[in-house]
N, C-alpha and C. Protein backbone atom coordinates (compact mmCIF):
# COMPACT_ATOMS: atom_id res chain seq x y z
N MET A 1 -64.97 56.22 28.24
CA MET A 1 -64.90 56.98 27.25
C MET A 1 -64.89 58.40 27.63
N ALA A 2 -65.40 58.88 28.72
CA ALA A 2 -65.33 60.17 29.14
C ALA A 2 -63.72 60.61 29.78
N ALA A 3 -63.16 59.64 30.04
CA ALA A 3 -61.59 60.02 30.37
C ALA A 3 -60.89 60.22 29.34
N LEU A 4 -61.15 59.99 27.96
CA LEU A 4 -60.31 60.02 27.01
C LEU A 4 -59.97 61.50 26.39
N GLY A 5 -58.71 61.77 26.22
CA GLY A 5 -58.39 62.84 25.30
C GLY A 5 -58.94 62.89 23.97
N HIS A 6 -58.53 64.41 23.16
CA HIS A 6 -59.01 64.41 21.97
C HIS A 6 -58.20 63.45 20.95
N ASP A 7 -56.97 62.82 21.36
CA ASP A 7 -56.14 61.91 20.39
C ASP A 7 -56.50 60.53 20.87
N GLY A 8 -57.35 60.27 21.78
CA GLY A 8 -57.89 59.03 22.05
C GLY A 8 -57.45 58.13 23.14
N HIS A 9 -56.05 58.83 23.71
CA HIS A 9 -55.49 58.31 24.88
C HIS A 9 -56.07 59.02 25.91
N PRO A 10 -56.28 58.28 27.17
CA PRO A 10 -56.85 58.71 28.43
C PRO A 10 -56.26 60.33 28.70
N ALA A 11 -57.06 61.12 28.84
CA ALA A 11 -56.47 62.59 29.13
C ALA A 11 -55.64 62.97 30.26
N LYS A 12 -56.17 62.14 31.22
CA LYS A 12 -55.27 62.50 32.71
C LYS A 12 -54.70 60.76 32.93
N ASN A 13 -53.68 60.47 32.58
CA ASN A 13 -53.03 59.23 33.11
C ASN A 13 -52.42 59.05 34.43
N LEU A 14 -53.12 58.42 35.16
CA LEU A 14 -52.60 58.53 36.86
C LEU A 14 -51.07 57.76 36.96
N HIS A 15 -50.64 57.13 35.85
CA HIS A 15 -49.78 56.16 36.18
C HIS A 15 -48.55 57.26 35.51
N LEU A 16 -48.60 58.05 34.69
CA LEU A 16 -47.50 58.83 34.40
C LEU A 16 -47.42 60.30 34.86
N PRO A 17 -46.46 61.06 34.79
CA PRO A 17 -46.01 61.98 35.19
C PRO A 17 -46.61 63.16 34.06
N PRO A 18 -47.07 64.22 34.50
CA PRO A 18 -47.70 65.22 33.59
C PRO A 18 -46.60 65.81 32.42
N VAL A 19 -46.93 65.62 31.25
CA VAL A 19 -45.85 66.25 30.32
C VAL A 19 -46.45 67.37 29.31
N PRO A 20 -45.98 68.27 29.06
CA PRO A 20 -46.60 69.64 28.68
C PRO A 20 -46.75 69.41 27.23
N LEU A 21 -46.46 68.40 26.29
CA LEU A 21 -46.77 68.37 25.07
C LEU A 21 -47.62 67.25 24.68
N PRO A 22 -48.77 67.62 23.59
CA PRO A 22 -49.89 66.65 23.34
C PRO A 22 -49.82 65.44 22.44
N ARG A 23 -48.63 65.35 21.52
CA ARG A 23 -48.56 64.56 20.58
C ARG A 23 -47.65 63.37 20.83
N ARG A 24 -48.30 62.10 20.97
CA ARG A 24 -47.38 60.94 21.49
C ARG A 24 -47.41 60.00 20.55
N MET A 25 -46.02 59.49 20.53
CA MET A 25 -45.57 58.48 19.67
C MET A 25 -44.55 57.66 20.45
N TRP A 26 -44.46 56.45 19.71
CA TRP A 26 -43.81 55.25 20.35
C TRP A 26 -42.40 55.40 19.75
N ALA A 27 -41.52 55.55 20.55
CA ALA A 27 -40.12 55.73 20.10
C ALA A 27 -39.22 54.42 20.03
N GLY A 28 -39.34 53.63 20.71
CA GLY A 28 -38.63 52.47 20.76
C GLY A 28 -38.67 51.56 21.99
N GLY A 29 -37.91 50.60 22.29
CA GLY A 29 -37.95 49.69 23.82
C GLY A 29 -37.55 48.39 23.42
N SER A 30 -37.53 47.85 24.33
CA SER A 30 -36.74 46.39 24.39
C SER A 30 -37.30 45.46 25.40
N VAL A 31 -37.11 44.00 24.76
CA VAL A 31 -37.56 43.04 25.72
C VAL A 31 -36.59 42.31 25.88
N GLU A 32 -36.65 41.57 27.24
CA GLU A 32 -35.64 40.73 27.33
C GLU A 32 -36.52 39.18 28.05
N CYS A 33 -36.11 38.30 27.43
CA CYS A 33 -37.12 36.93 27.59
C CYS A 33 -36.27 36.01 28.49
N ILE A 34 -36.49 36.32 29.91
CA ILE A 34 -36.02 34.90 30.95
C ILE A 34 -36.47 33.86 31.13
N ASP A 35 -37.95 33.71 31.20
CA ASP A 35 -38.46 32.16 31.08
C ASP A 35 -39.64 32.45 30.36
N GLY A 36 -40.21 31.32 29.70
CA GLY A 36 -41.36 31.13 28.97
C GLY A 36 -42.80 31.28 29.83
N LEU A 37 -43.61 32.13 29.29
CA LEU A 37 -45.10 32.12 29.92
C LEU A 37 -45.68 30.63 29.76
N ARG A 38 -46.30 30.04 30.46
CA ARG A 38 -46.55 28.64 30.17
C ARG A 38 -48.42 28.92 30.39
N VAL A 39 -48.98 27.79 29.87
CA VAL A 39 -50.33 27.65 29.96
C VAL A 39 -50.66 27.29 31.51
N ASP A 40 -51.82 28.24 32.00
CA ASP A 40 -52.29 28.15 33.47
C ASP A 40 -51.33 29.04 34.19
N ASP A 41 -50.24 29.81 33.85
CA ASP A 41 -49.47 30.55 34.59
C ASP A 41 -50.40 31.89 35.13
N ARG A 42 -50.15 32.22 36.55
CA ARG A 42 -50.66 33.39 36.89
C ARG A 42 -49.70 34.30 36.73
N VAL A 43 -49.78 35.31 36.24
CA VAL A 43 -48.72 36.49 35.72
C VAL A 43 -48.99 37.72 36.49
N ARG A 44 -48.31 38.41 36.76
CA ARG A 44 -48.08 39.70 37.69
C ARG A 44 -47.39 40.78 37.07
N ARG A 45 -47.70 41.72 36.48
CA ARG A 45 -47.05 42.63 35.78
C ARG A 45 -46.89 44.09 36.82
N THR A 46 -45.42 44.21 36.99
CA THR A 46 -44.78 45.53 37.80
C THR A 46 -44.67 46.45 37.06
N SER A 47 -45.17 47.69 36.91
CA SER A 47 -44.86 48.87 35.78
C SER A 47 -43.81 50.06 36.57
N THR A 48 -43.19 50.56 36.40
CA THR A 48 -42.03 51.82 36.73
C THR A 48 -41.49 52.76 36.09
N ILE A 49 -41.81 53.93 36.35
CA ILE A 49 -41.59 54.82 35.81
C ILE A 49 -39.88 54.94 35.49
N ALA A 50 -39.31 54.96 34.47
CA ALA A 50 -37.94 54.90 34.63
C ALA A 50 -37.28 56.22 34.78
N GLY A 51 -37.95 57.14 33.76
CA GLY A 51 -37.29 58.35 33.66
C GLY A 51 -38.30 59.40 32.73
N VAL A 52 -38.03 60.49 32.84
CA VAL A 52 -38.61 61.46 32.17
C VAL A 52 -37.45 62.80 31.67
N GLU A 53 -37.35 62.99 30.36
CA GLU A 53 -36.36 63.68 30.02
C GLU A 53 -36.67 64.52 28.53
N GLN A 54 -36.40 65.79 28.89
CA GLN A 54 -36.63 66.98 27.73
C GLN A 54 -35.43 66.88 27.07
N LYS A 55 -35.58 66.77 25.46
CA LYS A 55 -34.89 67.10 24.66
C LYS A 55 -35.18 67.94 23.45
N VAL A 56 -34.29 68.69 22.84
CA VAL A 56 -34.50 69.28 21.58
C VAL A 56 -34.06 68.53 20.35
N GLY A 57 -34.94 68.43 19.27
CA GLY A 57 -34.62 67.79 18.13
C GLY A 57 -34.89 68.38 16.97
N ARG A 58 -34.74 67.94 15.77
CA ARG A 58 -34.90 68.63 14.50
C ARG A 58 -36.43 69.36 14.21
N SER A 59 -37.34 68.61 14.82
CA SER A 59 -38.69 69.09 15.13
C SER A 59 -39.01 70.08 16.25
N GLY A 60 -38.10 70.26 17.14
CA GLY A 60 -38.45 70.97 18.31
C GLY A 60 -38.25 70.35 19.40
N GLU A 61 -38.93 70.79 20.57
CA GLU A 61 -38.99 70.12 21.72
C GLU A 61 -39.51 68.89 21.73
N LEU A 62 -39.13 67.76 22.56
CA LEU A 62 -39.27 66.44 22.71
C LEU A 62 -39.15 65.97 24.02
N TRP A 63 -40.40 65.37 24.56
CA TRP A 63 -40.26 64.72 26.24
C TRP A 63 -40.35 63.22 26.09
N PHE A 64 -39.30 62.61 26.45
CA PHE A 64 -39.16 61.26 26.53
C PHE A 64 -39.84 60.68 27.65
N VAL A 65 -40.33 59.53 27.86
CA VAL A 65 -40.74 58.99 28.98
C VAL A 65 -40.47 57.29 28.81
N GLY A 66 -39.64 56.74 30.12
CA GLY A 66 -39.43 55.51 29.78
C GLY A 66 -40.12 54.91 30.81
N VAL A 67 -40.66 53.54 30.48
CA VAL A 67 -41.71 52.76 31.44
C VAL A 67 -41.08 51.64 31.55
N ASP A 68 -40.79 51.01 32.60
CA ASP A 68 -40.22 49.48 32.63
C ASP A 68 -41.51 48.65 33.15
N HIS A 69 -41.77 47.68 32.45
CA HIS A 69 -42.38 46.45 32.82
C HIS A 69 -41.88 45.04 33.47
N GLU A 70 -42.14 44.59 34.23
CA GLU A 70 -41.46 43.05 34.59
C GLU A 70 -42.93 42.55 34.76
N TYR A 71 -42.97 41.29 34.17
CA TYR A 71 -43.74 40.00 34.06
C TYR A 71 -43.14 39.16 34.83
N SER A 72 -44.18 38.34 35.98
CA SER A 72 -43.38 37.47 37.04
C SER A 72 -44.45 36.37 37.18
N THR A 73 -44.15 35.27 37.14
CA THR A 73 -44.79 34.18 37.63
C THR A 73 -44.53 33.52 39.16
N HIS A 74 -44.51 32.41 39.39
CA HIS A 74 -44.16 32.06 40.69
C HIS A 74 -42.93 31.12 40.71
N ARG A 75 -42.34 31.04 39.26
CA ARG A 75 -40.91 30.99 39.10
C ARG A 75 -39.92 31.92 39.19
N GLY A 76 -40.44 33.06 39.27
CA GLY A 76 -39.78 34.53 39.28
C GLY A 76 -40.07 35.23 37.93
N ILE A 77 -39.13 36.35 37.68
CA ILE A 77 -39.27 37.00 36.47
C ILE A 77 -39.43 36.51 35.28
N ALA A 78 -40.42 36.57 34.56
CA ALA A 78 -40.38 35.71 32.98
C ALA A 78 -39.83 36.79 31.97
N ILE A 79 -40.15 38.18 32.08
CA ILE A 79 -40.13 39.25 31.12
C ILE A 79 -39.73 40.35 31.41
N ARG A 80 -38.99 40.81 30.89
CA ARG A 80 -38.51 42.48 31.30
C ARG A 80 -38.80 43.37 30.08
N GLU A 81 -39.67 44.47 30.06
CA GLU A 81 -39.80 44.99 28.67
C GLU A 81 -39.50 46.67 29.07
N ARG A 82 -38.95 47.18 28.34
CA ARG A 82 -38.77 48.69 28.28
C ARG A 82 -39.65 49.14 27.04
N GLN A 83 -40.54 50.43 27.33
CA GLN A 83 -41.03 50.94 26.28
C GLN A 83 -40.55 52.55 26.47
N ASP A 84 -40.54 53.06 25.24
CA ASP A 84 -39.84 54.48 25.31
C ASP A 84 -40.94 55.05 24.43
N ILE A 85 -41.40 56.21 24.98
CA ILE A 85 -42.49 56.96 24.49
C ILE A 85 -42.02 58.44 24.35
N VAL A 86 -42.37 59.01 23.08
CA VAL A 86 -41.90 60.67 22.99
C VAL A 86 -43.08 61.22 22.64
N TYR A 87 -43.20 62.56 23.18
CA TYR A 87 -44.08 63.57 23.30
C TYR A 87 -43.65 64.71 22.22
N ARG A 88 -44.52 65.20 21.31
CA ARG A 88 -43.99 66.44 20.53
C ARG A 88 -45.16 67.16 20.78
N ALA A 89 -44.95 68.48 20.04
CA ALA A 89 -45.64 69.62 20.15
C ALA A 89 -46.59 69.53 19.15
N ALA A 90 -47.90 69.93 19.18
CA ALA A 90 -48.98 69.96 18.03
C ALA A 90 -48.61 71.08 16.86
N PRO A 91 -49.22 70.72 15.73
CA PRO A 91 -48.62 71.43 14.55
C PRO A 91 -49.33 72.75 14.80
N GLY A 92 -48.47 73.90 14.09
CA GLY A 92 -49.11 75.11 14.40
C GLY A 92 -50.68 75.53 13.73
N PRO A 93 -51.10 76.48 14.21
CA PRO A 93 -52.82 76.68 13.80
C PRO A 93 -52.61 76.73 12.28
N GLY A 94 -53.63 76.43 11.69
CA GLY A 94 -53.98 76.48 10.32
C GLY A 94 -52.83 75.92 9.41
N ARG A 95 -52.20 74.69 9.96
CA ARG A 95 -51.28 74.30 9.16
C ARG A 95 -51.16 72.88 9.33
N ALA A 96 -50.62 71.66 8.58
CA ALA A 96 -50.57 70.23 9.10
C ALA A 96 -48.85 70.42 9.09
N ASP A 97 -48.19 69.65 10.09
CA ASP A 97 -46.95 69.72 10.24
C ASP A 97 -46.52 68.21 9.54
N ARG A 98 -45.92 68.29 8.65
CA ARG A 98 -45.76 67.01 7.73
C ARG A 98 -44.32 66.49 8.34
N SER A 99 -43.46 67.21 9.19
CA SER A 99 -41.90 66.67 9.45
C SER A 99 -41.99 65.50 9.54
N ALA A 100 -42.73 65.01 10.70
CA ALA A 100 -42.74 63.59 11.20
C ALA A 100 -42.70 62.61 9.99
N SER A 101 -43.69 62.68 9.02
CA SER A 101 -43.38 61.90 7.91
C SER A 101 -42.64 62.14 7.00
N ALA A 102 -41.86 62.96 6.91
CA ALA A 102 -40.77 63.52 6.04
C ALA A 102 -39.40 63.07 6.08
N ARG A 103 -39.26 62.96 7.23
CA ARG A 103 -37.87 62.37 7.95
C ARG A 103 -37.71 60.96 7.75
N SER A 104 -36.62 60.61 6.91
CA SER A 104 -36.39 59.29 6.55
C SER A 104 -35.19 59.02 6.53
N GLU A 105 -34.56 57.67 6.57
CA GLU A 105 -33.08 57.53 5.97
C GLU A 105 -33.24 56.16 5.25
N PRO A 106 -32.56 56.39 4.01
CA PRO A 106 -32.88 55.28 2.71
C PRO A 106 -31.89 54.13 3.38
N ALA A 107 -32.41 53.09 3.01
CA ALA A 107 -31.68 51.82 3.45
C ALA A 107 -30.11 52.01 2.96
N GLY A 108 -28.82 51.29 3.24
CA GLY A 108 -27.60 51.41 2.24
C GLY A 108 -27.43 50.36 1.31
N GLU A 109 -26.75 50.81 0.48
CA GLU A 109 -26.54 49.67 -0.71
C GLU A 109 -25.86 48.47 -0.38
N GLY A 110 -25.04 48.55 0.68
CA GLY A 110 -24.43 47.09 1.23
C GLY A 110 -25.23 46.77 2.34
N ARG A 111 -26.64 46.71 2.41
CA ARG A 111 -27.40 46.25 3.52
C ARG A 111 -28.34 45.15 2.88
N PRO A 112 -27.86 44.24 2.00
CA PRO A 112 -29.04 43.16 1.47
C PRO A 112 -29.54 42.10 2.69
N PRO A 113 -31.14 42.16 2.54
CA PRO A 113 -31.23 41.16 3.78
C PRO A 113 -31.22 39.73 3.38
N HIS A 114 -31.13 39.30 4.53
CA HIS A 114 -31.33 37.69 4.38
C HIS A 114 -32.40 37.19 4.15
N ALA A 115 -33.44 37.56 5.14
CA ALA A 115 -35.07 37.27 4.63
C ALA A 115 -35.94 38.24 4.78
N VAL A 116 -36.81 38.36 4.02
CA VAL A 116 -38.16 39.46 3.95
C VAL A 116 -39.45 38.94 4.07
N TRP A 117 -40.31 39.48 4.83
CA TRP A 117 -41.55 39.06 5.27
C TRP A 117 -42.21 40.63 4.89
N THR A 118 -43.09 40.57 3.90
CA THR A 118 -43.72 41.64 3.32
C THR A 118 -45.26 41.52 3.90
N VAL A 119 -45.85 42.66 4.59
CA VAL A 119 -47.06 42.79 4.78
C VAL A 119 -47.79 44.04 4.28
N GLU A 120 -49.14 43.44 3.82
CA GLU A 120 -49.90 44.68 3.49
C GLU A 120 -50.51 45.58 4.47
N THR A 121 -50.04 46.60 4.73
CA THR A 121 -50.36 47.71 5.83
C THR A 121 -52.16 48.19 5.54
N THR A 122 -52.94 47.48 5.78
CA THR A 122 -54.39 47.93 5.40
C THR A 122 -54.87 48.43 6.58
N PRO A 123 -55.84 49.37 6.49
CA PRO A 123 -56.82 49.89 7.55
C PRO A 123 -57.38 48.80 8.72
N THR A 124 -57.47 47.64 7.99
CA THR A 124 -58.06 46.60 8.52
C THR A 124 -57.07 46.17 9.69
N LEU A 125 -55.81 45.94 9.11
CA LEU A 125 -54.62 45.45 9.95
C LEU A 125 -54.25 46.53 11.17
N LEU A 126 -54.47 47.77 10.90
CA LEU A 126 -54.29 48.65 12.00
C LEU A 126 -55.20 48.69 12.89
N PHE A 127 -56.60 48.75 12.58
CA PHE A 127 -57.56 48.60 13.24
C PHE A 127 -57.41 46.99 14.24
N ARG A 128 -57.09 46.23 13.83
CA ARG A 128 -57.20 44.87 14.53
C ARG A 128 -56.18 44.97 15.48
N TYR A 129 -54.77 45.48 15.17
CA TYR A 129 -53.92 45.65 16.07
C TYR A 129 -54.18 46.58 17.23
N SER A 130 -54.96 47.55 16.89
CA SER A 130 -55.46 48.93 17.82
C SER A 130 -56.04 47.95 18.94
N ALA A 131 -56.96 47.18 18.24
CA ALA A 131 -58.02 46.30 19.21
C ALA A 131 -57.36 45.20 20.16
N ILE A 132 -56.47 44.80 19.43
CA ILE A 132 -55.84 43.58 20.70
C ILE A 132 -54.88 44.11 21.42
N SER A 133 -54.53 45.45 21.52
CA SER A 133 -53.33 46.07 22.22
C SER A 133 -54.19 47.05 22.91
N PHE A 134 -55.68 47.33 22.97
CA PHE A 134 -56.26 48.45 23.56
C PHE A 134 -55.70 49.65 23.42
N ASN A 135 -55.45 50.05 22.13
CA ASN A 135 -54.77 51.46 21.70
C ASN A 135 -55.79 52.06 21.18
N GLY A 136 -56.16 53.28 21.81
CA GLY A 136 -57.34 54.21 21.11
C GLY A 136 -56.90 55.38 20.42
N HIS A 137 -55.43 55.57 20.05
CA HIS A 137 -54.85 56.68 19.19
C HIS A 137 -55.20 56.68 18.09
N ARG A 138 -55.95 57.84 17.86
CA ARG A 138 -56.62 58.08 16.51
C ARG A 138 -56.17 57.89 15.31
N ILE A 139 -54.67 58.23 15.53
CA ILE A 139 -53.37 57.99 14.19
C ILE A 139 -53.53 56.74 13.52
N HIS A 140 -54.05 55.77 14.30
CA HIS A 140 -53.96 54.33 13.53
C HIS A 140 -55.36 54.07 12.75
N TYR A 141 -56.44 55.05 12.98
CA TYR A 141 -57.64 54.29 12.35
C TYR A 141 -58.40 55.72 12.08
N ASP A 142 -58.35 56.94 12.47
CA ASP A 142 -58.92 57.98 12.00
C ASP A 142 -58.38 58.75 11.07
N LEU A 143 -58.52 58.79 9.67
CA LEU A 143 -57.85 59.26 8.89
C LEU A 143 -57.79 60.77 8.69
N PRO A 144 -59.26 61.51 8.84
CA PRO A 144 -59.28 62.92 8.92
C PRO A 144 -58.24 63.47 10.16
N TYR A 145 -58.33 62.77 11.23
CA TYR A 145 -57.80 63.30 12.45
C TYR A 145 -56.08 62.88 12.34
N ALA A 146 -55.62 61.99 11.50
CA ALA A 146 -54.13 61.71 11.46
C ALA A 146 -53.54 62.79 10.48
N THR A 147 -54.23 63.05 9.43
CA THR A 147 -53.75 64.07 8.30
C THR A 147 -53.76 65.65 8.74
N ASP A 148 -54.96 65.71 8.91
CA ASP A 148 -55.43 67.03 9.35
C ASP A 148 -55.07 67.81 10.64
N ILE A 149 -55.08 66.99 11.58
CA ILE A 149 -54.76 67.31 13.07
C ILE A 149 -53.21 67.24 13.40
N GLU A 150 -52.94 65.79 13.04
CA GLU A 150 -51.60 65.66 13.45
C GLU A 150 -50.65 65.55 12.28
N GLY A 151 -50.85 65.65 11.21
CA GLY A 151 -50.17 66.42 10.15
C GLY A 151 -49.43 65.34 9.44
N TYR A 152 -49.76 63.98 9.36
CA TYR A 152 -49.23 62.69 8.73
C TYR A 152 -49.97 62.74 7.44
N ALA A 153 -49.05 61.74 6.34
CA ALA A 153 -49.47 61.68 5.27
C ALA A 153 -50.62 60.72 4.99
N GLY A 154 -51.24 59.90 6.24
CA GLY A 154 -52.20 58.92 6.08
C GLY A 154 -52.24 58.13 7.65
N LEU A 155 -52.98 57.11 7.75
CA LEU A 155 -52.81 56.58 9.01
C LEU A 155 -51.45 55.98 9.45
N VAL A 156 -51.01 55.92 10.46
CA VAL A 156 -49.63 55.68 10.76
C VAL A 156 -49.75 54.19 11.49
N VAL A 157 -48.78 53.24 11.00
CA VAL A 157 -48.44 51.96 11.19
C VAL A 157 -47.85 51.92 12.53
N HIS A 158 -48.52 51.49 13.68
CA HIS A 158 -47.97 51.09 15.03
C HIS A 158 -46.56 50.81 15.00
N GLY A 159 -45.77 51.56 15.83
CA GLY A 159 -44.45 51.04 16.18
C GLY A 159 -44.52 49.67 16.83
N PRO A 160 -45.23 49.50 17.80
CA PRO A 160 -45.15 48.09 18.20
C PRO A 160 -45.55 47.11 17.45
N LEU A 161 -46.48 47.35 16.48
CA LEU A 161 -46.76 46.43 15.49
C LEU A 161 -45.40 45.97 14.87
N GLN A 162 -44.96 47.12 14.25
CA GLN A 162 -43.47 46.72 13.48
C GLN A 162 -42.43 45.97 14.26
N ALA A 163 -42.31 46.38 15.78
CA ALA A 163 -41.44 45.44 16.60
C ALA A 163 -41.87 43.99 16.58
N THR A 164 -43.35 43.83 16.57
CA THR A 164 -43.66 42.56 16.58
C THR A 164 -43.39 41.63 15.61
N LEU A 165 -43.55 42.38 14.34
CA LEU A 165 -43.13 41.87 13.13
C LEU A 165 -41.72 41.25 13.06
N LEU A 166 -40.75 42.17 13.65
CA LEU A 166 -39.25 41.82 13.68
C LEU A 166 -39.16 40.70 14.67
N LEU A 167 -39.84 40.93 15.84
CA LEU A 167 -39.35 40.10 17.09
C LEU A 167 -39.71 38.70 16.36
N ASN A 168 -40.74 38.45 15.82
CA ASN A 168 -41.09 37.05 15.02
C ASN A 168 -39.93 36.62 13.85
N LEU A 169 -39.59 37.76 13.32
CA LEU A 169 -38.47 37.13 12.52
C LEU A 169 -37.15 36.64 13.25
N ALA A 170 -37.18 37.33 14.23
CA ALA A 170 -35.64 36.98 15.19
C ALA A 170 -36.09 35.70 16.17
N ALA A 171 -37.48 35.22 15.99
CA ALA A 171 -37.83 33.86 16.60
C ALA A 171 -37.78 32.86 15.62
N LEU A 172 -37.42 32.94 14.39
CA LEU A 172 -37.84 31.96 13.49
C LEU A 172 -36.63 30.91 13.59
N GLY A 173 -35.88 30.69 14.73
CA GLY A 173 -34.86 29.72 14.63
C GLY A 173 -35.50 28.82 15.88
N GLY A 174 -36.89 29.11 16.47
CA GLY A 174 -37.40 28.32 17.44
C GLY A 174 -37.61 28.59 18.53
N ALA A 175 -36.92 29.54 18.97
CA ALA A 175 -37.21 30.29 20.27
C ALA A 175 -37.23 32.08 20.33
N PRO A 176 -37.67 32.58 21.14
CA PRO A 176 -37.35 34.29 21.10
C PRO A 176 -36.10 34.28 21.85
N PRO A 177 -35.43 35.48 20.88
CA PRO A 177 -34.10 36.08 21.22
C PRO A 177 -33.92 36.25 22.92
N ARG A 178 -32.89 36.21 23.54
CA ARG A 178 -32.68 36.43 25.04
C ARG A 178 -33.06 37.96 25.18
N ARG A 179 -32.56 38.84 23.92
CA ARG A 179 -32.78 40.44 24.34
C ARG A 179 -33.15 40.95 22.84
N PHE A 180 -33.84 41.89 23.02
CA PHE A 180 -34.66 42.30 21.51
C PHE A 180 -34.76 43.62 21.67
N ILE A 181 -33.97 44.75 21.26
CA ILE A 181 -34.04 46.21 21.49
C ILE A 181 -34.35 46.88 20.02
N TYR A 182 -35.49 47.69 20.10
CA TYR A 182 -35.55 48.26 18.71
C TYR A 182 -35.82 49.75 18.89
N ARG A 183 -35.80 50.55 17.73
CA ARG A 183 -35.94 51.96 17.76
C ARG A 183 -36.72 52.63 16.60
N GLY A 184 -37.40 53.31 16.69
CA GLY A 184 -38.41 53.77 15.48
C GLY A 184 -37.51 54.93 14.97
N ILE A 185 -37.32 54.92 13.50
CA ILE A 185 -36.52 55.86 12.52
C ILE A 185 -37.41 56.77 12.00
N ALA A 186 -38.52 56.53 11.38
CA ALA A 186 -39.45 57.50 10.82
C ALA A 186 -40.82 56.83 10.76
N PRO A 187 -41.85 57.48 10.58
CA PRO A 187 -43.27 56.79 10.95
C PRO A 187 -43.80 56.00 9.45
N ALA A 188 -44.14 54.90 9.61
CA ALA A 188 -44.92 54.06 8.25
C ALA A 188 -46.16 54.53 8.01
N ILE A 189 -46.58 54.81 6.99
CA ILE A 189 -47.77 55.39 6.71
C ILE A 189 -48.53 54.05 6.23
N ALA A 190 -49.82 53.74 6.56
CA ALA A 190 -50.31 52.53 5.99
C ALA A 190 -50.70 52.91 4.51
N GLY A 191 -51.10 51.57 3.67
CA GLY A 191 -51.66 51.79 2.31
C GLY A 191 -50.46 51.17 1.51
N ALA A 192 -49.31 50.87 1.87
CA ALA A 192 -48.13 50.54 1.34
C ALA A 192 -47.72 49.41 1.73
N PRO A 193 -46.97 48.42 0.99
CA PRO A 193 -46.39 47.31 1.75
C PRO A 193 -45.23 47.63 2.44
N LEU A 194 -45.13 47.04 3.64
CA LEU A 194 -44.16 47.11 4.56
C LEU A 194 -43.22 45.96 4.60
N HIS A 195 -41.89 45.93 4.29
CA HIS A 195 -40.81 44.88 4.37
C HIS A 195 -40.33 44.56 5.97
N ALA A 196 -40.77 43.55 6.46
CA ALA A 196 -39.66 43.20 7.73
C ALA A 196 -38.57 42.55 7.30
N CYS A 197 -37.38 42.93 7.63
CA CYS A 197 -36.29 42.48 7.08
C CYS A 197 -34.98 41.91 7.99
N ALA A 198 -34.37 40.78 7.79
CA ALA A 198 -33.57 40.05 8.81
C ALA A 198 -32.21 40.06 8.21
N GLY A 199 -31.22 40.49 8.87
CA GLY A 199 -29.62 40.80 8.20
C GLY A 199 -29.32 39.21 8.15
N ARG A 200 -28.18 39.01 7.72
CA ARG A 200 -27.58 37.76 7.42
C ARG A 200 -26.91 37.44 8.41
N GLY A 201 -27.54 36.58 9.39
CA GLY A 201 -26.84 36.41 10.74
C GLY A 201 -25.98 37.22 11.64
N ASP A 202 -26.39 38.53 11.44
CA ASP A 202 -25.58 39.55 12.25
C ASP A 202 -26.53 39.96 13.45
N GLY A 203 -27.74 39.57 13.42
CA GLY A 203 -28.56 39.85 14.58
C GLY A 203 -29.15 41.09 14.45
N ARG A 204 -29.40 41.53 13.32
CA ARG A 204 -29.89 42.92 13.01
C ARG A 204 -31.20 42.69 12.23
N PHE A 205 -32.14 43.64 12.28
CA PHE A 205 -33.43 43.61 11.56
C PHE A 205 -33.90 44.74 11.23
N TRP A 206 -34.96 45.00 10.51
CA TRP A 206 -35.56 46.55 10.15
C TRP A 206 -36.67 46.39 9.23
N THR A 207 -37.48 47.33 9.55
CA THR A 207 -38.52 47.61 8.48
C THR A 207 -38.23 48.40 7.48
N ALA A 208 -38.87 48.03 6.36
CA ALA A 208 -38.38 49.24 5.04
C ALA A 208 -39.75 49.29 4.37
N GLY A 209 -39.89 50.45 4.03
CA GLY A 209 -41.11 50.92 3.26
C GLY A 209 -40.63 51.07 1.41
N GLN A 210 -41.48 51.96 0.84
CA GLN A 210 -41.21 52.25 -0.47
C GLN A 210 -39.72 52.98 -0.70
N GLY A 211 -38.99 52.52 -1.54
CA GLY A 211 -37.82 53.20 -1.98
C GLY A 211 -36.66 52.79 -1.12
N GLY A 212 -37.10 51.82 0.12
CA GLY A 212 -36.03 51.23 0.78
C GLY A 212 -35.68 52.10 2.02
N VAL A 213 -37.02 52.87 2.19
CA VAL A 213 -36.96 53.86 3.51
C VAL A 213 -36.85 52.93 4.90
N ILE A 214 -36.02 53.30 5.54
CA ILE A 214 -36.26 52.50 7.18
C ILE A 214 -37.00 52.94 7.99
N HIS A 215 -38.13 52.57 8.49
CA HIS A 215 -38.95 52.80 9.46
C HIS A 215 -38.36 52.56 10.87
N MET A 216 -38.03 51.26 11.01
CA MET A 216 -37.79 50.73 12.55
C MET A 216 -36.25 49.98 12.33
N GLU A 217 -35.41 49.87 13.26
CA GLU A 217 -34.25 49.13 13.27
C GLU A 217 -34.36 48.26 14.69
N ALA A 218 -33.80 47.36 14.67
CA ALA A 218 -33.84 46.14 15.95
C ALA A 218 -32.57 45.44 15.62
N GLU A 219 -32.12 44.85 16.98
CA GLU A 219 -31.03 44.02 17.03
C GLU A 219 -31.42 43.27 18.27
N THR A 220 -30.35 42.11 18.24
CA THR A 220 -30.65 40.79 19.32
C THR A 220 -29.19 40.99 19.52
N PRO A 221 -28.96 41.87 20.88
CA PRO A 221 -27.22 41.69 21.20
C PRO A 221 -27.04 40.35 21.90
N ALA A 222 -26.00 39.82 21.85
CA ALA A 222 -25.36 38.75 22.60
C ALA A 222 -25.49 38.82 24.26
N ARG A 223 -25.31 40.24 24.59
CA ARG A 223 -25.39 40.38 26.10
C ARG A 223 -26.21 41.56 26.33
């Protein structure tokens, strides 16, 4: 506990290079399923810093950190995972930065979903996902911190939670897809229904909120 920073993450992560901006968000990632994990498998995870890149976006300076994970058994590599994390500047003194929750892209009229899984984004759901993923980020469970310090309109639904819902949709055929790529579009705020949507046989998936606002997009490319 003594090693945690103000936001709930470790203040000094020895596995990541120093990044000068404090606000951490999940930007996207990918999963490649090569071999299934089986009961009694001994699994080894190897993590590698894939890259650190500075960019300037609509909200100002951004730092992107890519982390690659390989999960291996005695049979060889079972899963390859890529995690893309973005760091943003803190809101200016005396004001909450609402830009993160204001940016959104409405769903197109010609994009009717083939299947929809609606999930109620309650604080309990966010708490449970934080617990099972050992995620201490306060934007997911500390409402005053999320609104007053980081400037969101409410508690933020985890990016990986949305990716988990979409990956479950992609696996409805009986097996997980070989490749699954996802990208965050706009933060989803807890308290409203979240719709996990599947396209009509086109390998595309997305989460949508009120008014059809898209929060995350995913695809299962053939290669």
